[in-house]
Amino acid sequence: GYSRLGLTVGVKLGKAVVRNRTRRRIKEAYRIHEGAFLPGYDIVVVARVRAAHVSYWELDRAFLQLADKLGLLRRETE
């Protein structure tokens, strides 16, 4: 009845500080928009090198665009 988030951040991303910052940013993007996701999905995010070098807002926007493309977001009925 609920969705879960799994993250994998490889060593290629950088040192531990960079990897942890990237991980925290992705977790926060999911946490803020958790209510917009359909329940019952296991979401696995594989962070690439580019994720470490973009702003939080770009990462957040890309995360939502991909979730929408995969059909994981709830549709608002008007």
PDB file of N, CA and C in Angstrom:
ATOM      1  N   GLY A   1       0.789  -1.198   0.000  1.00  0.00           N
ATOM      2  CA  GLY A   1       0.000   0.000   0.000  1.00  0.00           C
ATOM      3  C   GLY A   1       0.835   1.267   0.000  1.00  0.00           C
ATOM      4  N   TYR A   2       2.141   1.158  -0.113  1.00  0.00           N
ATOM      5  CA  TYR A   2       2.984   2.348  -0.117  1.00  0.00           C
ATOM      6  C   TYR A   2       4.163   2.114  -1.052  1.00  0.00           C
ATOM      7  N   SER A   3       4.763   3.196  -1.499  1.00  0.00           N
ATOM      8  CA  SER A   3       5.929   3.097  -2.385  1.00  0.00           C
ATOM      9  C   SER A   3       7.208   3.207  -1.573  1.00  0.00           C
ATOM     10  N   ARG A   4       8.261   2.621  -2.120  1.00  0.00           N
ATOM     11  CA  ARG A   4       9.561   2.689  -1.459  1.00  0.00           C
ATOM     12  C   ARG A   4      10.592   3.219  -2.448  1.00  0.00           C
ATOM     13  N   LEU A   5      11.657   3.822  -1.890  1.00  0.00           N
ATOM     14  CA  LEU A   5      12.719   4.385  -2.710  1.00  0.00           C
ATOM     15  C   LEU A   5      14.022   3.669  -2.401  1.00  0.00           C
ATOM     16  N   GLY A   6      14.706   3.223  -3.450  1.00  0.00           N
ATOM     17  CA  GLY A   6      16.024   2.625  -3.314  1.00  0.00           C
ATOM     18  C   GLY A   6      17.015   3.457  -4.103  1.00  0.00           C
ATOM     19  N   LEU A   7      18.186   3.683  -3.528  1.00  0.00           N
ATOM     20  CA  LEU A   7      19.209   4.500  -4.175  1.00  0.00           C
ATOM     21  C   LEU A   7      20.498   3.725  -4.315  1.00  0.00           C
ATOM     22  N   THR A   8      21.162   3.946  -5.418  1.00  0.00           N
ATOM     23  CA  THR A   8      22.511   3.445  -5.576  1.00  0.00           C
ATOM     24  C   THR A   8      23.358   4.574  -6.150  1.00  0.00           C
ATOM     25  N   VAL A   9      24.442   4.841  -5.464  1.00  0.00           N
ATOM     26  CA  VAL A   9      25.345   5.920  -5.845  1.00  0.00           C
ATOM     27  C   VAL A   9      26.744   5.324  -5.910  1.00  0.00           C
ATOM     28  N   GLY A  10      27.294   5.235  -7.102  1.00  0.00           N
ATOM     29  CA  GLY A  10      28.579   4.581  -7.292  1.00  0.00           C
ATOM     30  C   GLY A  10      29.769   5.448  -6.918  1.00  0.00           C
ATOM     31  N   VAL A  11      30.917   4.805  -6.837  1.00  0.00           N
ATOM     32  CA  VAL A  11      32.160   5.473  -6.460  1.00  0.00           C
ATOM     33  C   VAL A  11      32.588   6.481  -7.529  1.00  0.00           C
ATOM     34  N   LYS A  12      32.184   6.255  -8.773  1.00  0.00           N
ATOM     35  CA  LYS A  12      32.548   7.165  -9.858  1.00  0.00           C
ATOM     36  C   LYS A  12      32.010   8.574  -9.634  1.00  0.00           C
ATOM     37  N   LEU A  13      30.994   8.681  -8.797  1.00  0.00           N
ATOM     38  CA  LEU A  13      30.364   9.973  -8.547  1.00  0.00           C
ATOM     39  C   LEU A  13      31.302  10.929  -7.830  1.00  0.00           C
ATOM     40  N   GLY A  14      32.203  10.402  -7.045  1.00  0.00           N
ATOM     41  CA  GLY A  14      33.133  11.253  -6.312  1.00  0.00           C
ATOM     42  C   GLY A  14      33.407  10.679  -4.939  1.00  0.00           C
ATOM     43  N   LYS A  15      33.964  11.522  -4.089  1.00  0.00           N
ATOM     44  CA  LYS A  15      34.288  11.079  -2.736  1.00  0.00           C
ATOM     45  C   LYS A  15      33.014  10.971  -1.913  1.00  0.00           C
ATOM     46  N   ALA A  16      33.134  10.469  -0.690  1.00  0.00           N
ATOM     47  CA  ALA A  16      31.985  10.184   0.162  1.00  0.00           C
ATOM     48  C   ALA A  16      31.098  11.409   0.384  1.00  0.00           C
ATOM     49  N   VAL A  17      31.705  12.577   0.526  1.00  0.00           N
ATOM     50  CA  VAL A  17      30.923  13.795   0.757  1.00  0.00           C
ATOM     51  C   VAL A  17      29.996  14.067  -0.426  1.00  0.00           C
ATOM     52  N   VAL A  18      30.505  13.930  -1.620  1.00  0.00           N
ATOM     53  CA  VAL A  18      29.728  14.186  -2.837  1.00  0.00           C
ATOM     54  C   VAL A  18      28.643  13.126  -2.993  1.00  0.00           C
ATOM     55  N   ARG A  19      28.996  11.871  -2.770  1.00  0.00           N
ATOM     56  CA  ARG A  19      28.010  10.795  -2.892  1.00  0.00           C
ATOM     57  C   ARG A  19      26.886  10.964  -1.884  1.00  0.00           C
ATOM     58  N   ASN A  20      27.219  11.288  -0.645  1.00  0.00           N
ATOM     59  CA  ASN A  20      26.186  11.458   0.386  1.00  0.00           C
ATOM     60  C   ASN A  20      25.304  12.663   0.099  1.00  0.00           C
ATOM     61  N   ARG A  21      25.880  13.756  -0.395  1.00  0.00           N
ATOM     62  CA  ARG A  21      25.082  14.932  -0.727  1.00  0.00           C
ATOM     63  C   ARG A  21      24.097  14.597  -1.844  1.00  0.00           C
ATOM     64  N   THR A  22      24.558  13.879  -2.851  1.00  0.00           N
ATOM     65  CA  THR A  22      23.692  13.476  -3.952  1.00  0.00           C
ATOM     66  C   THR A  22      22.576  12.574  -3.443  1.00  0.00           C
ATOM     67  N   ARG A  23      22.911  11.641  -2.580  1.00  0.00           N
ATOM     68  CA  ARG A  23      21.918  10.734  -1.993  1.00  0.00           C
ATOM     69  C   ARG A  23      20.871  11.510  -1.193  1.00  0.00           C
ATOM     70  N   ARG A  24      21.310  12.465  -0.385  1.00  0.00           N
ATOM     71  CA  ARG A  24      20.373  13.271   0.417  1.00  0.00           C
ATOM     72  C   ARG A  24      19.451  14.097  -0.469  1.00  0.00           C
ATOM     73  N   ARG A  25      19.976  14.640  -1.551  1.00  0.00           N
ATOM     74  CA  ARG A  25      19.157  15.450  -2.451  1.00  0.00           C
ATOM     75  C   ARG A  25      18.068  14.614  -3.114  1.00  0.00           C
ATOM     76  N   ILE A  26      18.415  13.427  -3.571  1.00  0.00           N
ATOM     77  CA  ILE A  26      17.423  12.559  -4.217  1.00  0.00           C
ATOM     78  C   ILE A  26      16.375  12.116  -3.208  1.00  0.00           C
ATOM     79  N   LYS A  27      16.804  11.769  -1.996  1.00  0.00           N
ATOM     80  CA  LYS A  27      15.851  11.385  -0.947  1.00  0.00           C
ATOM     81  C   LYS A  27      14.886  12.517  -0.640  1.00  0.00           C
ATOM     82  N   GLU A  28      15.403  13.737  -0.579  1.00  0.00           N
ATOM     83  CA  GLU A  28      14.569  14.887  -0.278  1.00  0.00           C
ATOM     84  C   GLU A  28      13.577  15.156  -1.413  1.00  0.00           C
ATOM     85  N   ALA A  29      14.001  15.012  -2.647  1.00  0.00           N
ATOM     86  CA  ALA A  29      13.094  15.199  -3.785  1.00  0.00           C
ATOM     87  C   ALA A  29      11.950  14.192  -3.696  1.00  0.00           C
ATOM     88  N   TYR A  30      12.260  12.962  -3.323  1.00  0.00           N
ATOM     89  CA  TYR A  30      11.207  11.955  -3.168  1.00  0.00           C
ATOM     90  C   TYR A  30      10.314  12.276  -1.974  1.00  0.00           C
ATOM     91  N   ARG A  31      10.904  12.658  -0.864  1.00  0.00           N
ATOM     92  CA  ARG A  31      10.137  12.919   0.352  1.00  0.00           C
ATOM     93  C   ARG A  31       9.127  14.045   0.149  1.00  0.00           C
ATOM     94  N   ILE A  32       9.551  15.116  -0.499  1.00  0.00           N
ATOM     95  CA  ILE A  32       8.674  16.265  -0.716  1.00  0.00           C
ATOM     96  C   ILE A  32       7.490  15.895  -1.607  1.00  0.00           C
ATOM     97  N   HIS A  33       7.701  15.072  -2.600  1.00  0.00           N
ATOM     98  CA  HIS A  33       6.661  14.731  -3.567  1.00  0.00           C
ATOM     99  C   HIS A  33       6.076  13.344  -3.346  1.00  0.00           C
ATOM    100  N   GLU A  34       6.324  12.749  -2.195  1.00  0.00           N
ATOM    101  CA  GLU A  34       5.882  11.375  -1.934  1.00  0.00           C
ATOM    102  C   GLU A  34       4.374  11.204  -2.113  1.00  0.00           C
ATOM    103  N   GLY A  35       3.598  12.197  -1.734  1.00  0.00           N
ATOM    104  CA  GLY A  35       2.149  12.118  -1.865  1.00  0.00           C
ATOM    105  C   GLY A  35       1.671  12.108  -3.309  1.00  0.00           C
ATOM    106  N   ALA A  36       2.502  12.562  -4.227  1.00  0.00           N
ATOM    107  CA  ALA A  36       2.119  12.615  -5.639  1.00  0.00           C
ATOM    108  C   ALA A  36       2.345  11.276  -6.348  1.00  0.00           C
ATOM    109  N   PHE A  37       3.037  10.349  -5.706  1.00  0.00           N
ATOM    110  CA  PHE A  37       3.338   9.059  -6.320  1.00  0.00           C
ATOM    111  C   PHE A  37       2.205   8.072  -6.078  1.00  0.00           C
ATOM    112  N   LEU A  38       1.962   7.225  -7.054  1.00  0.00           N
ATOM    113  CA  LEU A  38       0.997   6.155  -6.877  1.00  0.00           C
ATOM    114  C   LEU A  38       1.547   5.162  -5.858  1.00  0.00           C
ATOM    115  N   PRO A  39       0.707   4.597  -5.010  1.00  0.00           N
ATOM    116  CA  PRO A  39       1.199   3.653  -4.001  1.00  0.00           C
ATOM    117  C   PRO A  39       1.530   2.292  -4.607  1.00  0.00           C
ATOM    118  N   GLY A  40       2.417   1.576  -3.932  1.00  0.00           N
ATOM    119  CA  GLY A  40       2.706   0.198  -4.304  1.00  0.00           C
ATOM    120  C   GLY A  40       3.865  -0.015  -5.252  1.00  0.00           C
ATOM    121  N   TYR A  41       4.727   0.982  -5.422  1.00  0.00           N
ATOM    122  CA  TYR A  41       5.863   0.841  -6.325  1.00  0.00           C
ATOM    123  C   TYR A  41       7.170   0.862  -5.552  1.00  0.00           C
ATOM    124  N   ASP A  42       8.121   0.077  -6.018  1.00  0.00           N
ATOM    125  CA  ASP A  42       9.489   0.147  -5.525  1.00  0.00           C
ATOM    126  C   ASP A  42      10.280   0.929  -6.575  1.00  0.00           C
ATOM    127  N   ILE A  43      10.740   2.105  -6.192  1.00  0.00           N
ATOM    128  CA  ILE A  43      11.438   3.000  -7.121  1.00  0.00           C
ATOM    129  C   ILE A  43      12.926   2.901  -6.846  1.00  0.00           C
ATOM    130  N   VAL A  44      13.703   2.554  -7.853  1.00  0.00           N
ATOM    131  CA  VAL A  44      15.149   2.433  -7.714  1.00  0.00           C
ATOM    132  C   VAL A  44      15.802   3.502  -8.575  1.00  0.00           C
ATOM    133  N   VAL A  45      16.635   4.324  -7.950  1.00  0.00           N
ATOM    134  CA  VAL A  45      17.318   5.414  -8.643  1.00  0.00           C
ATOM    135  C   VAL A  45      18.810   5.092  -8.690  1.00  0.00           C
ATOM    136  N   VAL A  46      19.369   5.108  -9.881  1.00  0.00           N
ATOM    137  CA  VAL A  46      20.802   4.925 -10.064  1.00  0.00           C
ATOM    138  C   VAL A  46      21.373   6.298 -10.406  1.00  0.00           C
ATOM    139  N   ALA A  47      22.093   6.874  -9.473  1.00  0.00           N
ATOM    140  CA  ALA A  47      22.640   8.220  -9.671  1.00  0.00           C
ATOM    141  C   ALA A  47      23.846   8.157 -10.598  1.00  0.00           C
ATOM    142  N   ARG A  48      23.853   9.032 -11.569  1.00  0.00           N
ATOM    143  CA  ARG A  48      24.971   9.141 -12.503  1.00  0.00           C
ATOM    144  C   ARG A  48      25.832  10.345 -12.129  1.00  0.00           C
ATOM    145  N   VAL A  49      26.978  10.460 -12.759  1.00  0.00           N
ATOM    146  CA  VAL A  49      27.944  11.509 -12.427  1.00  0.00           C
ATOM    147  C   VAL A  49      27.323  12.896 -12.560  1.00  0.00           C
ATOM    148  N   ARG A  50      26.485  13.082 -13.542  1.00  0.00           N
ATOM    149  CA  ARG A  50      25.860  14.391 -13.749  1.00  0.00           C
ATOM    150  C   ARG A  50      25.022  14.827 -12.557  1.00  0.00           C
ATOM    151  N   ALA A  51      24.441  13.886 -11.827  1.00  0.00           N
ATOM    152  CA  ALA A  51      23.581  14.208 -10.683  1.00  0.00           C
ATOM    153  C   ALA A  51      24.348  14.945  -9.591  1.00  0.00           C
ATOM    154  N   ALA A  52      25.644  14.740  -9.517  1.00  0.00           N
ATOM    155  CA  ALA A  52      26.454  15.381  -8.476  1.00  0.00           C
ATOM    156  C   ALA A  52      26.777  16.835  -8.827  1.00  0.00           C
ATOM    157  N   HIS A  53      26.592  17.213 -10.076  1.00  0.00           N
ATOM    158  CA  HIS A  53      27.039  18.528 -10.517  1.00  0.00           C
ATOM    159  C   HIS A  53      25.914  19.480 -10.910  1.00  0.00           C
ATOM    160  N   VAL A  54      24.675  19.100 -10.679  1.00  0.00           N
ATOM    161  CA  VAL A  54      23.551  19.982 -10.984  1.00  0.00           C
ATOM    162  C   VAL A  54      22.964  20.523  -9.684  1.00  0.00           C
ATOM    163  N   SER A  55      22.189  21.579  -9.800  1.00  0.00           N
ATOM    164  CA  SER A  55      21.566  22.152  -8.610  1.00  0.00           C
ATOM    165  C   SER A  55      20.437  21.234  -8.132  1.00  0.00           C
ATOM    166  N   TYR A  56      20.009  21.465  -6.896  1.00  0.00           N
ATOM    167  CA  TYR A  56      18.920  20.657  -6.342  1.00  0.00           C
ATOM    168  C   TYR A  56      17.658  20.798  -7.189  1.00  0.00           C
ATOM    169  N   TRP A  57      17.369  22.015  -7.651  1.00  0.00           N
ATOM    170  CA  TRP A  57      16.132  22.257  -8.388  1.00  0.00           C
ATOM    171  C   TRP A  57      16.127  21.530  -9.725  1.00  0.00           C
ATOM    172  N   GLU A  58      17.273  21.438 -10.386  1.00  0.00           N
ATOM    173  CA  GLU A  58      17.365  20.683 -11.634  1.00  0.00           C
ATOM    174  C   GLU A  58      17.184  19.192 -11.377  1.00  0.00           C
ATOM    175  N   LEU A  59      17.769  18.711 -10.287  1.00  0.00           N
ATOM    176  CA  LEU A  59      17.633  17.304  -9.913  1.00  0.00           C
ATOM    177  C   LEU A  59      16.184  16.977  -9.582  1.00  0.00           C
ATOM    178  N   ASP A  60      15.530  17.868  -8.840  1.00  0.00           N
ATOM    179  CA  ASP A  60      14.134  17.691  -8.461  1.00  0.00           C
ATOM    180  C   ASP A  60      13.241  17.647  -9.704  1.00  0.00           C
ATOM    181  N   ARG A  61      13.461  18.583 -10.621  1.00  0.00           N
ATOM    182  CA  ARG A  61      12.661  18.642 -11.847  1.00  0.00           C
ATOM    183  C   ARG A  61      12.868  17.383 -12.691  1.00  0.00           C
ATOM    184  N   ALA A  62      14.108  16.928 -12.821  1.00  0.00           N
ATOM    185  CA  ALA A  62      14.395  15.725 -13.607  1.00  0.00           C
ATOM    186  C   ALA A  62      13.766  14.489 -12.968  1.00  0.00           C
ATOM    187  N   PHE A  63      13.809  14.424 -11.642  1.00  0.00           N
ATOM    188  CA  PHE A  63      13.211  13.293 -10.922  1.00  0.00           C
ATOM    189  C   PHE A  63      11.708  13.228 -11.189  1.00  0.00           C
ATOM    190  N   LEU A  64      11.028  14.365 -11.112  1.00  0.00           N
ATOM    191  CA  LEU A  64       9.589  14.400 -11.365  1.00  0.00           C
ATOM    192  C   LEU A  64       9.254  14.112 -12.827  1.00  0.00           C
ATOM    193  N   GLN A  65      10.061  14.618 -13.749  1.00  0.00           N
ATOM    194  CA  GLN A  65       9.816  14.352 -15.169  1.00  0.00           C
ATOM    195  C   GLN A  65       9.927  12.859 -15.470  1.00  0.00           C
ATOM    196  N   LEU A  66      10.929  12.217 -14.904  1.00  0.00           N
ATOM    197  CA  LEU A  66      11.096  10.784 -15.135  1.00  0.00           C
ATOM    198  C   LEU A  66       9.975   9.978 -14.496  1.00  0.00           C
ATOM    199  N   ALA A  67       9.562  10.378 -13.298  1.00  0.00           N
ATOM    200  CA  ALA A  67       8.457   9.683 -12.623  1.00  0.00           C
ATOM    201  C   ALA A  67       7.178   9.822 -13.443  1.00  0.00           C
ATOM    202  N   ASP A  68       6.955  10.994 -14.006  1.00  0.00           N
ATOM    203  CA  ASP A  68       5.773  11.214 -14.829  1.00  0.00           C
ATOM    204  C   ASP A  68       5.849  10.384 -16.110  1.00  0.00           C
ATOM    205  N   LYS A  69       7.024  10.347 -16.706  1.00  0.00           N
ATOM    206  CA  LYS A  69       7.219   9.573 -17.934  1.00  0.00           C
ATOM    207  C   LYS A  69       6.955   8.084 -17.691  1.00  0.00           C
ATOM    208  N   LEU A  70       7.291   7.602 -16.502  1.00  0.00           N
ATOM    209  CA  LEU A  70       7.069   6.196 -16.159  1.00  0.00           C
ATOM    210  C   LEU A  70       5.648   5.928 -15.686  1.00  0.00           C
ATOM    211  N   GLY A  71       4.858   6.975 -15.524  1.00  0.00           N
ATOM    212  CA  GLY A  71       3.478   6.800 -15.089  1.00  0.00           C
ATOM    213  C   GLY A  71       3.342   6.535 -13.598  1.00  0.00           C
ATOM    214  N   LEU A  72       4.277   7.038 -12.804  1.00  0.00           N
ATOM    215  CA  LEU A  72       4.259   6.807 -11.360  1.00  0.00           C
ATOM    216  C   LEU A  72       3.543   7.899 -10.582  1.00  0.00           C
ATOM    217  N   LEU A  73       3.194   8.991 -11.257  1.00  0.00           N
ATOM    218  CA  LEU A  73       2.551  10.110 -10.567  1.00  0.00           C
ATOM    219  C   LEU A  73       1.042  10.023 -10.689  1.00  0.00           C
ATOM    220  N   ARG A  74       0.362  10.477  -9.645  1.00  0.00           N
ATOM    221  CA  ARG A  74      -1.097  10.525  -9.679  1.00  0.00           C
ATOM    222  C   ARG A  74      -1.544  11.601 -10.639  1.00  0.00           C
ATOM    223  N   ARG A  75      -2.622  11.360 -11.314  1.00  0.00           N
ATOM    224  CA  ARG A  75      -3.211  12.331 -12.232  1.00  0.00           C
ATOM    225  C   ARG A  75      -4.275  13.113 -11.487  1.00  0.00           C
ATOM    226  N   GLU A  76      -4.238  14.422 -11.628  1.00  0.00           N
ATOM    227  CA  GLU A  76      -5.257  15.291 -11.031  1.00  0.00           C
ATOM    228  C   GLU A  76      -6.456  15.320 -11.975  1.00  0.00           C
ATOM    229  N   THR A  77      -7.619  14.985 -11.471  1.00  0.00           N
ATOM    230  CA  THR A  77      -8.821  15.064 -12.294  1.00  0.00           C
ATOM    231  C   THR A  77      -9.517  16.374 -12.007  1.00  0.00           C
ATOM    232  N   GLU A  78      -9.864  17.064 -13.056  1.00  0.00           N
ATOM    233  CA  GLU A  78     -10.483  18.381 -12.886  1.00  0.00           C
ATOM    234  C   GLU A  78     -11.957  18.316 -13.184  1.00  0.00           C
TER     235      GLU A  78
END
